[in-house]
Each structure stands twice: as C-alpha cells, then as structure tokens.
C-alpha cells in the first residue's frame, strides 16, 4: 500500500504560494490524503468500470499587473491531490539540464524536496548577469500565453517519455481531459508547483535542440535568453526558436522580445542606490514571466529600516504615480511599520489588483484588525467593481 506522506508534505509546502489557496483543500488533503489517494488510484483509474471520474473544474481568474487577468482552473481536493502526487512520484525524471551551455532553472526536486523557486531564480539572474558581461549579443524573449496555449495531446506525448507505466500515461490523459470537460487547450492549472514542473519540463525540447547554435542558452520556465558574439548566429537562432515552438502551436511574445548588441539593450533596469539596498533586503521575490505570482514566504524577523530608508519608502507611497513594483516593495519590507501604510490600503487595492495577495501577507502584521477591516470596507463600498482575485484575498484576510 503506497504512502502519501511525502505528497502531503509537498502540497503543504507549496500551499501558501498558490494563486487561490483554499483552506477546504488543505484540510482535506492534510487530514485525508491517504483516502484521496486510494479513491483516485482504485476508483477513478481507467482500468475499471466504476464510472468514477475527475470532475470539471471551476474556471477562475487571478490578477496580473495592469488589470490583466490570468485565466486558470481552481482544482477541487481530489484533482489537486492527484497533480501533486503524480509529479512527486515522477520527481526523479524532472531534472535540470546537465549542460553548462544549455541551462534551465526552477521547478524541480532535489533529494525529494521541491527546489525553492526564489533561490533558483536568483541563480538564473546571476547566470544572466555573467553572460551579459561575457558575450556581445543577446536575444531575450518569452512565450506568449504559454500555459493557456498548451495542447492536450502534445502534453500526453511528452509525458509518455517520463511515465513509469502505461497506466500512468492513461490516467494523466484522462485527468486533463476530464478536469477541462473535454477541451484540448487551456487545461493546465496555473499558480501551483506541479503545473510549473510540467510547464518547465515540457520545454526541454528547446534546450535539447541542435537547431540552436548560440554559445549560451538560459531558461527559467518560458523566459529564454540566448547569448553569442555573433549577431547573425542569434538572428538565425531566433528564427529557429520560433519554428521550434511553432510546431507546438506556441509563439513568442513580441512586446517582450529584444535582440541585438547587449550594451544597446534594456536588459537590466537601473535603479538608485538606496532602492537597490531595499530590494536586496526584501523577503519576497517577484519573478518575471511564468513565475511572477511566486512569493518566497519568509517568517524570519526582518532587518529594521533606517530613518532615511523609511522616509524614502513613504515618499514613494505618497506619490500619485506610484509604480506597481514599488508598491510591492513597500508591502514586502514595511511590515513592521504597518500603521504608516494602513490608510493607503484602499488605494493600493484599487490601483493594483495583482497585489491583493501581498496585502494579505502584509495584513498579518497589522495589530488593529478593526481598522484594517474598515479600510477594506471603504475600498469595497467605494469601488464600481472588485475582481475575483481581490474578493478571494480579502476574504482570506
């Protein structure tokens, strides 16, 4: 009889990072994981005629910066448990590239434990920085609407190379067919570690392709960097890259694509010295495309802000032209000064729906719960509309 203890621990570790972490799912998986596993592999399995199946899941919309929406599926406890268990049982096959010239980062296991996406992303950024110093030319791009564009049968074919048995392949196909009511696209849930493992590993065909000739390729999920000292080589590779992913009905994001001489590209944004210091001290990490919803939860006591740093942050907060990334920074490192930020909560919720989750973690440091509730009521009562994502996280608060 298989044990699901490690799967439950894996789920519990990832739970705070989900886009929609439902307490119902946590309670059932943590307290009845063994029963869920038996039900899935003994009843829902394709090998019998029980008539049991995975249920179609609820379509949900998380927030992205600038009032954009991230369309996903919010899984019920049974469907959520299967995805965590399936990826954990196949953890040894989901690995990082062994080539120094073709590296992929993030969303893997090490010694049976999920790799921290925050630490992996920092390593990715260090490698990018070193390559920017070493090579003359660069291509920076990502895949447009990646998760929503994956095709069901392509994913089953890919999984066939990793699965431990034909039964696993059949159940994998049945699962994604049934949770999306038979539709062959837009079926992969977003915002949970198992889906990101699948999404990252599926793109290994890019890393392994001999069509790409660049001296260096770095990839974090669908964020792709190519480096070489020849601009012609990179132009060739960029065309080949588009053909490669086009075979999977995928395309690059034109708005985020840069190609050319490194010293003429806006690859690394410049920030002032004080802001750089604050960014280095923050406990939460916001990533680029494919991982931007990830927060590294850090319960350790944060370093005390100096007067100059505190005033700098308050000036940003009072600025009518406050940028979303600056608002995220404020919520991350001003948790010990919650009383100074409180009155701005309705403004932050109104202007930046994607930061609702950040407001939730910030609220844990608020002592006056009645005042916080008052500010949230003020936001709701004065708003013409409130997004699904905002409602979810305000309910969590």
Protein backbone atom coordinates (compact mmCIF):
# COMPACT_ATOMS: atom_id res chain seq x y z
CA UNK A 1 0.00 0.00 0.00
CA UNK A 2 1.61 3.28 -1.10
CA UNK A 3 2.19 6.05 1.43
CA UNK A 4 1.24 9.62 0.58
CA UNK A 5 3.06 11.30 3.46
CA UNK A 6 5.65 12.92 1.19
CA UNK A 7 2.99 14.09 -1.27
CA UNK A 8 1.06 15.74 1.57
CA UNK A 9 4.21 17.47 2.81
CA UNK A 10 4.96 18.67 -0.74
CA UNK A 11 1.43 20.08 -1.04
CA UNK A 12 1.61 21.79 2.38
CA UNK A 13 4.92 23.46 1.48
CA UNK A 14 3.54 24.87 -1.74
CA UNK A 15 0.08 25.77 -0.38
CA UNK A 16 0.89 29.39 0.71
CA UNK A 17 2.26 30.14 -2.77
CA UNK A 18 -0.85 29.11 -4.70
CA UNK A 19 -2.91 31.68 -6.58
CA UNK A 20 -6.09 30.50 -4.82
CA UNK A 21 -5.08 28.52 -1.69
CA UNK A 22 -8.42 27.13 -0.49
CA UNK A 23 -8.50 26.06 3.16
CA UNK A 24 -11.01 23.33 2.28
CA UNK A 25 -8.41 21.69 0.05
CA UNK A 26 -5.72 22.00 2.70
CA UNK A 27 -7.87 20.45 5.42
CA UNK A 28 -8.93 17.50 3.27
CA UNK A 29 -5.51 16.78 1.76
CA UNK A 30 -3.61 17.11 5.04
CA UNK A 31 -6.12 15.05 7.03
CA UNK A 32 -7.43 12.58 4.46
CA UNK A 33 -4.64 12.33 1.87
CA UNK A 34 -4.42 8.54 2.17
CA UNK A 35 -8.15 8.20 1.44
CA UNK A 36 -7.91 10.58 -1.52
CA UNK A 37 -5.03 8.55 -2.96
CA UNK A 38 -6.97 5.29 -2.64
CA UNK A 39 -10.02 6.84 -4.27
CA UNK A 40 -8.00 8.14 -7.24
CA UNK A 41 -5.94 5.05 -7.98
CA UNK A 42 -8.58 2.45 -7.13
CA UNK A 43 -11.80 4.12 -8.29
CA UNK A 44 -11.03 6.80 -10.87
CA UNK A 45 -8.32 4.73 -12.57
CA UNK A 46 -9.12 3.89 -16.19
CA UNK A 47 -8.64 0.16 -15.55
CA UNK A 48 -12.10 -0.50 -14.12
CA UNK A 49 -15.71 0.21 -14.99
CA UNK A 50 -16.65 2.02 -11.78
CA UNK A 51 -17.85 5.05 -13.71
CA UNK A 52 -15.90 7.37 -11.40
CA UNK A 53 -14.12 10.34 -12.95
CA UNK A 54 -12.42 13.62 -12.20
CA UNK A 55 -14.92 16.48 -12.17
CA UNK A 56 -14.75 19.52 -14.48
CA UNK A 57 -13.02 22.26 -12.52
CA UNK A 58 -14.01 25.86 -11.81
CA UNK A 59 -12.65 28.50 -14.19
CA UNK A 60 -11.01 31.26 -12.18
CA UNK A 61 -9.17 34.47 -12.95
CA UNK A 62 -6.19 35.66 -10.96
CA UNK A 63 -4.81 39.16 -11.40
CA UNK A 64 -1.70 40.18 -13.30
CA UNK A 65 -0.16 43.67 -13.35
CA UNK A 66 -2.08 46.40 -15.13
CA UNK A 67 -5.61 44.94 -14.80
CA UNK A 68 -4.71 41.91 -16.91
CA UNK A 69 -6.18 38.55 -15.94
CA UNK A 70 -4.57 35.14 -15.63
CA UNK A 71 -7.14 32.52 -16.67
CA UNK A 72 -6.80 29.25 -14.79
CA UNK A 73 -8.63 26.33 -13.16
CA UNK A 74 -9.16 26.16 -9.40
CA UNK A 75 -8.92 22.48 -8.53
CA UNK A 76 -11.08 20.58 -6.07
CA UNK A 77 -9.27 18.49 -3.39
CA UNK A 78 -9.23 15.26 -5.44
CA UNK A 79 -7.94 16.89 -8.62
CA UNK A 80 -5.39 18.95 -6.69
CA UNK A 81 -4.10 15.92 -4.78
CA UNK A 82 -3.59 13.90 -7.98
CA UNK A 83 -1.44 16.58 -9.61
CA UNK A 84 0.82 16.88 -6.58
CA UNK A 85 1.09 13.11 -6.20
CA UNK A 86 1.76 12.47 -9.90
CA UNK A 87 4.60 14.99 -10.08
CA UNK A 88 6.09 13.79 -6.81
CA UNK A 89 6.11 10.14 -7.93
CA UNK A 90 7.95 11.17 -11.12
CA UNK A 91 10.25 13.66 -9.38
CA UNK A 92 13.50 11.92 -10.35
CA UNK A 93 12.76 12.32 -14.05
CA UNK A 94 12.11 16.07 -13.83
CA UNK A 95 15.65 17.37 -13.72
CA UNK A 96 17.86 20.30 -14.56
CA UNK A 97 19.91 20.28 -17.76
CA UNK A 98 23.41 18.88 -17.30
CA UNK A 99 24.89 21.12 -19.99
CA UNK A 100 26.58 24.35 -18.88
CA UNK A 101 25.75 25.94 -22.23
CA UNK A 102 22.03 24.98 -22.11
CA UNK A 103 20.65 25.55 -18.63
CA UNK A 104 17.08 25.53 -17.31
CA UNK A 105 16.21 26.71 -13.82
CA UNK A 106 13.41 26.29 -11.30
CA UNK A 107 10.58 23.86 -10.56
CA UNK A 108 12.41 20.61 -9.87
CA UNK A 109 13.19 18.37 -6.91
CA UNK A 110 16.41 17.88 -5.00
CA UNK A 111 16.74 14.96 -2.54
CA UNK A 112 12.96 14.53 -2.59
CA UNK A 113 12.24 18.19 -1.79
CA UNK A 114 10.90 20.86 -4.12
CA UNK A 115 13.54 23.44 -5.07
CA UNK A 116 12.80 26.95 -3.86
CA UNK A 117 11.75 28.98 -6.93
CA UNK A 118 13.18 32.11 -5.29
CA UNK A 119 16.66 30.66 -4.89
CA UNK A 120 16.54 29.12 -8.35
CA UNK A 121 15.50 32.41 -9.91
CA UNK A 122 18.34 34.24 -8.16
CA UNK A 123 20.75 31.71 -9.61
CA UNK A 124 19.18 32.24 -13.04
CA UNK A 125 19.64 36.01 -12.74
CA UNK A 126 23.28 35.56 -11.70
CA UNK A 127 23.90 33.42 -14.78
CA UNK A 128 22.20 36.02 -16.98
CA UNK A 129 24.34 38.79 -15.48
CA UNK A 130 27.55 36.82 -16.07
CA UNK A 131 26.55 36.08 -19.67
CA UNK A 132 25.79 39.75 -20.28
CA UNK A 133 29.36 40.52 -19.23
CA UNK A 134 30.85 37.74 -21.37
CA UNK A 135 29.06 37.96 -24.72
CA UNK A 136 28.42 40.78 -27.20
CA UNK A 137 24.89 39.93 -28.34
CA UNK A 138 21.71 38.67 -26.72
CA UNK A 139 18.18 37.53 -27.52
CA UNK A 140 15.66 37.92 -24.70
CA UNK A 141 12.13 36.61 -25.22
CA UNK A 142 9.32 34.58 -23.71
CA UNK A 143 6.36 32.54 -24.94
CA UNK A 144 3.06 34.34 -25.31
CA UNK A 145 0.19 32.97 -23.20
CA UNK A 146 2.21 29.82 -22.63
CA UNK A 147 0.09 27.87 -20.15
CA UNK A 148 -3.18 28.74 -21.85
CA UNK A 149 -1.83 27.66 -25.26
CA UNK A 150 -0.58 24.14 -24.48
CA UNK A 151 -2.30 21.35 -26.41
CA UNK A 152 -3.60 18.30 -24.54
CA UNK A 153 -2.19 15.63 -26.88
CA UNK A 154 1.26 17.27 -27.02
CA UNK A 155 1.45 17.06 -23.24
CA UNK A 156 0.39 13.39 -23.19
CA UNK A 157 3.03 12.56 -25.81
CA UNK A 158 5.65 14.39 -23.74
CA UNK A 159 4.61 12.58 -20.54
CA UNK A 160 4.97 9.24 -22.33
CA UNK A 161 8.75 9.72 -22.16
CA UNK A 162 8.65 10.21 -18.37
CA UNK A 163 5.84 7.97 -17.11
CA UNK A 164 6.57 4.90 -15.05
CA UNK A 165 3.83 2.83 -16.74
CA UNK A 166 1.15 2.81 -19.41
CA UNK A 167 -1.40 3.15 -16.61
CA UNK A 168 0.22 6.43 -15.56
CA UNK A 169 0.02 7.77 -19.11
CA UNK A 170 -3.64 6.79 -19.46
CA UNK A 171 -4.60 8.35 -16.11
CA UNK A 172 -2.63 11.51 -16.98
CA UNK A 173 -4.61 11.90 -20.21
CA UNK A 174 -7.92 11.10 -18.52
CA UNK A 175 -7.20 13.66 -15.79
CA UNK A 176 -6.60 16.64 -18.09
CA UNK A 177 -9.42 15.66 -20.42
CA UNK A 178 -11.97 15.46 -17.62
CA UNK A 179 -10.98 18.48 -15.50
CA UNK A 180 -11.40 20.67 -18.58
CA UNK A 181 -14.65 19.00 -19.75
CA UNK A 182 -13.00 17.59 -22.87
CA UNK A 183 -11.48 20.82 -24.26
CA UNK A 184 -7.96 20.22 -25.60
CA UNK A 185 -6.45 23.64 -24.82
CA UNK A 186 -6.38 25.90 -21.78
CA UNK A 187 -6.47 22.89 -19.46
CA UNK A 188 -3.32 23.23 -17.32
CA UNK A 189 -3.98 24.92 -13.95
CA UNK A 190 -1.68 27.81 -13.13
CA UNK A 191 -0.17 29.02 -9.89
CA UNK A 192 0.76 25.65 -8.34
CA UNK A 193 4.17 23.99 -8.29
CA UNK A 194 3.16 20.74 -10.08
CA UNK A 195 1.86 22.64 -13.11
CA UNK A 196 5.05 24.66 -13.23
CA UNK A 197 7.13 21.49 -13.17
CA UNK A 198 5.12 20.21 -16.13
CA UNK A 199 5.32 23.54 -17.97
CA UNK A 200 9.06 23.88 -17.44
CA UNK A 201 9.94 20.27 -18.31
CA UNK A 202 7.78 20.29 -21.44
CA UNK A 203 10.06 22.98 -22.88
CA UNK A 204 13.13 20.75 -22.57
CA UNK A 205 12.80 20.21 -26.32
CA UNK A 206 14.17 23.74 -26.73
CA UNK A 207 17.19 23.02 -24.52
CA UNK A 208 17.92 19.76 -26.37
CA UNK A 209 17.50 21.08 -29.92
CA UNK A 210 20.54 21.02 -32.22
CA UNK A 211 18.96 23.77 -34.29
CA UNK A 212 20.07 26.36 -31.72
CA UNK A 213 23.72 27.35 -32.26
CA UNK A 214 24.18 30.08 -29.62
CA UNK A 215 27.10 29.61 -27.26
CA UNK A 216 24.83 30.06 -24.24
CA UNK A 217 21.12 29.46 -23.56
CA UNK A 218 19.48 30.21 -20.20
CA UNK A 219 15.83 29.47 -19.46
CA UNK A 220 13.55 29.96 -16.48
CA UNK A 221 10.19 28.42 -17.41
CA UNK A 222 9.36 30.23 -20.68
CA UNK A 223 11.77 33.15 -20.16
CA UNK A 224 14.53 32.47 -22.66
CA UNK A 225 17.92 34.15 -23.12
CA UNK A 226 20.36 33.36 -25.95
CA UNK A 227 23.94 34.71 -25.97
CA UNK A 228 26.68 34.77 -28.60
CA UNK A 229 29.39 37.01 -30.03
CA UNK A 230 27.78 36.85 -33.47
CA UNK A 231 24.58 38.75 -34.15
CA UNK A 232 23.93 36.62 -37.26
CA UNK A 233 24.03 33.43 -35.18
CA UNK A 234 21.42 34.85 -32.79
CA UNK A 235 19.16 36.03 -35.59
CA UNK A 236 19.34 32.54 -37.05
CA UNK A 237 18.59 31.03 -33.64
CA UNK A 238 15.67 33.34 -33.00
CA UNK A 239 14.06 32.23 -36.26
CA UNK A 240 14.73 28.58 -35.41
CA UNK A 241 13.33 29.07 -31.91
CA UNK A 242 10.08 30.40 -33.36
CA UNK A 243 9.87 27.42 -35.73
CA UNK A 244 10.56 25.00 -32.88
CA UNK A 245 7.84 26.29 -30.58
CA UNK A 246 5.56 26.86 -33.57
CA UNK A 247 5.50 23.09 -34.04
CA UNK A 248 3.70 23.03 -30.67
CA UNK A 249 1.35 25.86 -31.73
CA UNK A 250 3.23 28.31 -29.50
CA UNK A 251 4.62 31.76 -30.30
CA UNK A 252 6.92 34.35 -28.79
CA UNK A 253 5.74 37.49 -27.04
CA UNK A 254 6.65 40.30 -29.45
CA UNK A 255 6.30 43.02 -26.81
CA UNK A 256 8.88 41.37 -24.55
CA UNK A 257 11.38 40.36 -27.24
CA UNK A 258 14.74 42.12 -27.50
CA UNK A 259 17.57 41.21 -29.85
CA UNK A 260 20.85 42.95 -30.55
CA UNK A 261 24.04 44.28 -29.03
CA UNK A 262 23.98 43.96 -25.26
CA UNK A 263 25.19 47.47 -24.47
CA UNK A 264 22.28 48.86 -26.53
CA UNK A 265 19.58 46.72 -24.92
CA UNK A 266 17.39 47.49 -21.93
CA UNK A 267 18.13 44.17 -20.28
CA UNK A 268 18.85 45.37 -16.78
CA UNK A 269 16.91 48.33 -15.41
CA UNK A 270 18.94 50.93 -13.49
CA UNK A 271 17.75 51.92 -10.02
CA UNK A 272 19.14 54.32 -7.47
CA UNK A 273 21.49 53.13 -4.74
CA UNK A 274 19.00 53.33 -1.85
CA UNK A 275 16.34 51.43 -3.75
CA UNK A 276 18.90 48.79 -4.67
CA UNK A 277 19.66 48.30 -0.98
CA UNK A 278 15.97 47.94 -0.19
CA UNK A 279 15.43 45.44 -3.00
CA UNK A 280 18.26 43.31 -1.63
CA UNK A 281 16.63 43.26 1.81
CA UNK A 282 13.14 42.34 0.80
CA UNK A 283 11.81 38.99 1.97
CA UNK A 284 9.54 38.41 -1.03
CA UNK A 285 10.71 37.87 -4.59
CA UNK A 286 8.64 38.75 -7.64
CA UNK A 287 9.76 36.97 -10.78
CA UNK A 288 9.46 37.57 -14.48
CA UNK A 289 7.05 35.93 -16.90
CA UNK A 290 5.99 32.45 -15.96
CA UNK A 291 6.65 32.90 -12.28
CA UNK A 292 5.55 36.37 -11.32
CA UNK A 293 2.99 35.17 -8.82
CA UNK A 294 5.62 33.35 -6.75
CA UNK A 295 6.31 34.66 -3.25
CA UNK A 296 9.07 33.29 -1.12
CA UNK A 297 7.44 33.20 2.31
CA UNK A 298 9.97 34.20 4.96
CA UNK A 299 8.95 34.19 8.61
CA UNK A 300 12.33 35.34 9.88
CA UNK A 301 12.44 38.72 11.59
CA UNK A 302 13.21 41.43 9.05
CA UNK A 303 16.02 43.93 9.45
CA UNK A 304 14.99 47.25 10.99
CA UNK A 305 14.59 50.09 8.50
CA UNK A 306 16.67 53.21 8.99
CA UNK A 307 15.07 56.67 9.07
CA UNK A 308 16.34 57.53 5.60
CA UNK A 309 15.02 54.25 4.16
CA UNK A 310 11.65 54.69 5.88
CA UNK A 311 11.22 58.24 4.58
CA UNK A 312 12.23 57.11 1.09
CA UNK A 313 9.53 54.42 1.13
CA UNK A 314 6.89 56.80 2.49
CA UNK A 315 7.66 59.29 -0.28
CA UNK A 316 7.12 56.51 -2.83
CA UNK A 317 3.85 55.54 -1.13
CA UNK A 318 2.54 59.11 -1.21
CA UNK A 319 3.47 59.54 -4.89
CA UNK A 320 0.38 59.73 -7.14
CA UNK A 321 2.44 58.00 -9.84
CA UNK A 322 3.49 55.07 -7.65
CA UNK A 323 4.54 52.09 -9.79
CA UNK A 324 3.24 48.60 -9.07
CA UNK A 325 6.69 47.14 -8.44
CA UNK A 326 7.37 49.92 -5.91
CA UNK A 327 4.05 49.24 -4.17
CA UNK A 328 5.02 45.56 -3.93
CA UNK A 329 8.36 46.53 -2.40
CA UNK A 330 6.62 48.69 0.21
CA UNK A 331 4.23 45.91 1.22
CA UNK A 332 7.14 43.46 1.47
CA UNK A 333 9.54 45.42 3.68
CA UNK A 334 7.33 47.83 5.65
CA UNK A 335 5.53 45.12 7.60
CA UNK A 336 6.99 46.40 10.86
CA UNK A 337 5.51 49.83 10.05
CA UNK A 338 2.00 48.66 9.20
CA UNK A 339 0.36 51.65 10.89
CA UNK A 340 2.08 54.00 8.41
CA UNK A 341 0.78 52.06 5.40
CA UNK A 342 -2.76 51.25 6.59
CA UNK A 343 -4.56 54.31 5.22
CA UNK A 344 -3.15 53.59 1.76
CA UNK A 345 -4.56 50.03 1.62
CA UNK A 346 -7.75 51.06 -0.28
CA UNK A 347 -5.61 52.96 -2.80
CA UNK A 348 -3.27 50.01 -3.31
CA UNK A 349 -6.19 47.60 -3.73
CA UNK A 350 -7.89 49.90 -6.22
CA UNK A 351 -4.82 50.63 -8.33
CA UNK A 352 -3.07 47.26 -8.14
CA UNK A 353 -5.45 44.26 -8.08
CA UNK A 354 -2.50 41.92 -8.63
CA UNK A 355 -1.10 42.90 -5.22
CA UNK A 356 -4.10 41.54 -3.29
CA UNK A 357 -2.06 38.54 -2.18
CA UNK A 358 0.71 40.86 -0.99
CA UNK A 359 -1.85 42.82 1.02
CA UNK A 360 -2.94 39.55 2.64
CA UNK A 361 0.58 38.72 3.85
CA UNK A 362 1.09 42.34 4.91
CA UNK A 363 -2.13 42.23 6.95
CA UNK A 364 -0.70 39.51 9.20
CA UNK A 365 1.48 42.25 10.74
CA UNK A 366 -1.44 44.62 11.41
CA UNK A 367 -2.43 44.82 15.07
CA UNK A 368 -5.62 46.87 14.73
CA UNK A 369 -7.89 44.41 12.93
CA UNK A 370 -10.95 46.66 13.20
CA UNK A 371 -9.13 49.49 11.45
CA UNK A 372 -7.94 47.16 8.70
CA UNK A 373 -11.47 45.88 8.18
CA UNK A 374 -12.65 49.48 7.97
CA UNK A 375 -10.19 50.26 5.18
CA UNK A 376 -11.21 47.12 3.27
CA UNK A 377 -14.89 48.05 3.64
CA UNK A 378 -14.04 51.52 2.40
CA UNK A 379 -12.45 50.04 -0.70
CA UNK A 380 -15.39 47.71 -1.42
CA UNK A 381 -18.08 50.34 -0.84
CA UNK A 382 -16.38 52.97 -3.00
CA UNK A 383 -15.46 50.68 -5.92
CA UNK A 384 -17.52 50.26 -9.06
CA UNK A 385 -16.09 46.76 -9.47
CA UNK A 386 -14.00 44.34 -7.45
CA UNK A 387 -12.12 41.50 -9.13
CA UNK A 388 -12.48 37.82 -8.23
CA UNK A 389 -8.83 37.80 -7.08
CA UNK A 390 -9.38 40.77 -4.77
CA UNK A 391 -12.51 39.20 -3.27
CA UNK A 392 -10.68 35.94 -2.60
CA UNK A 393 -7.76 37.53 -0.78
CA UNK A 394 -9.94 39.99 1.16
CA UNK A 395 -11.99 37.01 2.33
CA UNK A 396 -8.72 35.33 3.40
CA UNK A 397 -7.84 38.46 5.38
